[in-house]
N, C-alpha and C. Protein backbone atom coordinates (compact mmCIF):
# COMPACT_ATOMS: atom_id res chain seq x y z
N UNK A 1 45.64 30.79 -36.21
CA UNK A 1 45.92 32.15 -36.61
C UNK A 1 46.14 33.02 -35.37
N UNK A 2 46.57 34.20 -35.56
CA UNK A 2 46.85 35.11 -34.45
C UNK A 2 45.63 35.42 -33.60
N UNK A 3 44.46 35.40 -34.19
CA UNK A 3 43.25 35.71 -33.44
C UNK A 3 42.95 34.65 -32.39
N UNK A 4 43.50 33.46 -32.56
CA UNK A 4 43.27 32.38 -31.60
C UNK A 4 44.20 32.48 -30.40
N UNK A 5 45.22 33.33 -30.47
CA UNK A 5 46.16 33.47 -29.37
C UNK A 5 45.50 34.18 -28.20
N UNK A 6 45.84 33.73 -27.00
CA UNK A 6 45.31 34.38 -25.80
C UNK A 6 46.40 35.26 -25.20
N UNK A 7 45.99 36.31 -24.53
CA UNK A 7 46.94 37.20 -23.88
C UNK A 7 47.57 36.51 -22.67
N UNK A 8 48.81 36.85 -22.39
CA UNK A 8 49.49 36.33 -21.21
C UNK A 8 48.82 36.89 -19.96
N UNK A 9 48.84 36.09 -18.91
CA UNK A 9 48.19 36.49 -17.66
C UNK A 9 48.93 37.62 -16.96
N UNK A 10 50.26 37.71 -17.18
CA UNK A 10 51.03 38.75 -16.51
C UNK A 10 52.25 39.11 -17.37
N UNK A 11 52.93 40.16 -16.96
CA UNK A 11 54.07 40.66 -17.73
C UNK A 11 55.19 39.63 -17.82
N UNK A 12 55.47 38.93 -16.74
CA UNK A 12 56.55 37.94 -16.75
C UNK A 12 56.27 36.83 -17.77
N UNK A 13 55.05 36.34 -17.81
CA UNK A 13 54.68 35.31 -18.77
C UNK A 13 54.80 35.83 -20.20
N UNK A 14 54.38 37.07 -20.41
CA UNK A 14 54.49 37.68 -21.74
C UNK A 14 55.95 37.78 -22.17
N UNK A 15 56.82 38.15 -21.25
CA UNK A 15 58.25 38.25 -21.58
C UNK A 15 58.84 36.88 -21.90
N UNK A 16 58.44 35.87 -21.16
CA UNK A 16 58.92 34.51 -21.43
C UNK A 16 58.48 34.06 -22.82
N UNK A 17 57.22 34.30 -23.15
CA UNK A 17 56.72 33.91 -24.48
C UNK A 17 57.43 34.69 -25.58
N UNK A 18 57.71 35.96 -25.35
CA UNK A 18 58.42 36.76 -26.34
C UNK A 18 59.84 36.24 -26.53
N UNK A 19 60.50 35.85 -25.45
CA UNK A 19 61.85 35.29 -25.55
C UNK A 19 61.84 33.99 -26.33
N UNK A 20 60.85 33.14 -26.07
CA UNK A 20 60.73 31.88 -26.81
C UNK A 20 60.51 32.15 -28.30
N UNK A 21 59.70 33.15 -28.60
CA UNK A 21 59.45 33.51 -30.00
C UNK A 21 60.73 34.00 -30.66
N UNK A 22 61.47 34.84 -29.96
CA UNK A 22 62.74 35.36 -30.48
C UNK A 22 63.72 34.22 -30.74
N UNK A 23 63.81 33.28 -29.82
CA UNK A 23 64.72 32.15 -29.99
C UNK A 23 64.33 31.31 -31.21
N UNK A 24 63.04 31.08 -31.41
CA UNK A 24 62.60 30.29 -32.55
C UNK A 24 62.88 31.01 -33.86
N UNK A 25 62.68 32.32 -33.89
CA UNK A 25 62.99 33.09 -35.10
C UNK A 25 64.47 32.97 -35.42
N UNK A 26 65.34 33.06 -34.42
CA UNK A 26 66.78 32.92 -34.63
C UNK A 26 67.12 31.54 -35.19
N UNK A 27 66.47 30.51 -34.67
CA UNK A 27 66.72 29.15 -35.16
C UNK A 27 66.27 29.04 -36.62
N UNK A 28 65.07 29.52 -36.91
CA UNK A 28 64.54 29.41 -38.26
C UNK A 28 65.32 30.24 -39.27
N UNK A 29 65.88 31.35 -38.83
CA UNK A 29 66.67 32.20 -39.74
C UNK A 29 68.10 31.69 -39.89
N UNK A 30 68.46 30.69 -39.14
CA UNK A 30 69.77 30.09 -39.30
C UNK A 30 70.87 30.66 -38.45
N UNK A 31 70.57 31.60 -37.57
CA UNK A 31 71.63 32.16 -36.75
C UNK A 31 72.04 31.21 -35.63
N UNK A 32 71.18 30.25 -35.30
CA UNK A 32 71.50 29.20 -34.33
C UNK A 32 71.07 27.87 -34.93
N UNK A 33 71.97 27.17 -35.61
CA UNK A 33 71.56 25.92 -36.26
C UNK A 33 71.15 24.86 -35.25
N UNK A 34 70.19 24.05 -35.65
CA UNK A 34 69.77 22.94 -34.80
C UNK A 34 70.88 21.90 -34.76
N UNK A 35 71.13 21.31 -33.61
CA UNK A 35 72.15 20.27 -33.55
C UNK A 35 71.71 19.05 -34.34
N UNK A 36 72.65 18.49 -35.08
CA UNK A 36 72.30 17.29 -35.84
C UNK A 36 72.39 16.07 -34.93
N UNK A 37 71.44 15.22 -35.08
CA UNK A 37 71.41 14.00 -34.27
C UNK A 37 71.67 12.82 -35.19
N UNK A 38 72.85 12.27 -35.11
CA UNK A 38 73.22 11.13 -35.92
C UNK A 38 73.15 9.90 -35.04
N UNK A 39 72.42 8.91 -35.52
CA UNK A 39 72.34 7.66 -34.77
C UNK A 39 72.24 6.51 -35.75
N UNK A 40 72.65 5.32 -35.32
CA UNK A 40 72.67 4.17 -36.22
C UNK A 40 71.27 3.68 -36.55
N UNK A 41 71.14 3.10 -37.74
CA UNK A 41 69.89 2.47 -38.16
C UNK A 41 69.88 1.05 -37.59
N UNK A 42 69.00 0.79 -36.65
CA UNK A 42 68.99 -0.51 -35.97
C UNK A 42 67.82 -1.39 -36.41
N UNK A 43 67.18 -1.06 -37.51
CA UNK A 43 66.04 -1.86 -37.95
C UNK A 43 66.42 -3.31 -38.22
N UNK A 44 67.55 -3.53 -38.90
CA UNK A 44 67.97 -4.91 -39.18
C UNK A 44 68.33 -5.65 -37.90
N UNK A 45 68.95 -4.95 -36.97
CA UNK A 45 69.32 -5.56 -35.69
C UNK A 45 68.06 -5.98 -34.94
N UNK A 46 67.06 -5.12 -34.91
CA UNK A 46 65.82 -5.45 -34.21
C UNK A 46 65.09 -6.60 -34.90
N UNK A 47 65.14 -6.64 -36.23
CA UNK A 47 64.51 -7.75 -36.95
C UNK A 47 65.21 -9.06 -36.60
N UNK A 48 66.53 -9.03 -36.51
CA UNK A 48 67.28 -10.23 -36.15
C UNK A 48 66.95 -10.65 -34.72
N UNK A 49 66.85 -9.70 -33.82
CA UNK A 49 66.52 -10.01 -32.43
C UNK A 49 65.11 -10.58 -32.32
N UNK A 50 64.21 -10.08 -33.14
CA UNK A 50 62.83 -10.57 -33.12
C UNK A 50 62.75 -12.03 -33.53
N UNK A 51 63.68 -12.45 -34.38
CA UNK A 51 63.74 -13.85 -34.82
C UNK A 51 64.62 -14.69 -33.90
N UNK A 52 64.90 -14.15 -32.71
CA UNK A 52 65.76 -14.80 -31.72
C UNK A 52 67.17 -15.04 -32.24
N UNK A 53 67.64 -14.10 -33.07
CA UNK A 53 68.99 -14.19 -33.57
C UNK A 53 69.99 -13.70 -32.54
N UNK A 54 71.25 -13.93 -32.81
CA UNK A 54 72.32 -13.54 -31.90
C UNK A 54 72.75 -12.11 -32.23
N UNK A 55 72.84 -11.28 -31.20
CA UNK A 55 73.30 -9.91 -31.38
C UNK A 55 74.73 -9.79 -30.90
N UNK A 56 75.52 -9.04 -31.64
CA UNK A 56 76.91 -8.84 -31.27
C UNK A 56 77.03 -7.60 -30.38
N UNK A 57 78.20 -7.41 -29.85
CA UNK A 57 78.44 -6.27 -28.97
C UNK A 57 78.16 -4.94 -29.64
N UNK A 58 78.54 -4.82 -30.91
CA UNK A 58 78.29 -3.57 -31.63
C UNK A 58 76.79 -3.34 -31.84
N UNK A 59 76.04 -4.43 -32.01
CA UNK A 59 74.59 -4.31 -32.14
C UNK A 59 73.99 -3.75 -30.86
N UNK A 60 74.43 -4.29 -29.73
CA UNK A 60 73.92 -3.84 -28.44
C UNK A 60 74.31 -2.39 -28.17
N UNK A 61 75.50 -2.03 -28.59
CA UNK A 61 75.94 -0.63 -28.44
C UNK A 61 75.04 0.30 -29.24
N UNK A 62 74.76 -0.10 -30.49
CA UNK A 62 73.90 0.73 -31.34
C UNK A 62 72.50 0.87 -30.76
N UNK A 63 71.96 -0.21 -30.22
CA UNK A 63 70.64 -0.14 -29.58
C UNK A 63 70.69 0.81 -28.40
N UNK A 64 71.74 0.71 -27.60
CA UNK A 64 71.88 1.59 -26.43
C UNK A 64 71.96 3.06 -26.86
N UNK A 65 72.65 3.34 -27.96
CA UNK A 65 72.74 4.71 -28.45
C UNK A 65 71.37 5.25 -28.84
N UNK A 66 70.59 4.43 -29.54
CA UNK A 66 69.27 4.88 -29.98
C UNK A 66 68.32 5.04 -28.80
N UNK A 67 68.33 4.08 -27.89
CA UNK A 67 67.45 4.16 -26.72
C UNK A 67 67.83 5.35 -25.85
N UNK A 68 69.10 5.66 -25.78
CA UNK A 68 69.56 6.79 -24.98
C UNK A 68 69.16 8.14 -25.53
N UNK A 69 68.75 8.19 -26.80
CA UNK A 69 68.34 9.46 -27.40
C UNK A 69 67.03 9.95 -26.84
N UNK A 70 66.17 9.05 -26.36
CA UNK A 70 64.85 9.44 -25.87
C UNK A 70 64.93 9.92 -24.50
């Protein structure tokens, strides 16, 4: 709750926190939509790899796309 919030140590920190709050309100109100992150479902590929199956080039590409997201 608001009572648990602590005051900023200085004016600059308070302004930074206020800007972050303003940005989040804009995101939540829809004025700045969150970017959609579309990535392939690699669960079947990983299951096949776990069984020492052969992965194709497209499988490796999909894994690279997912790993690159982090």
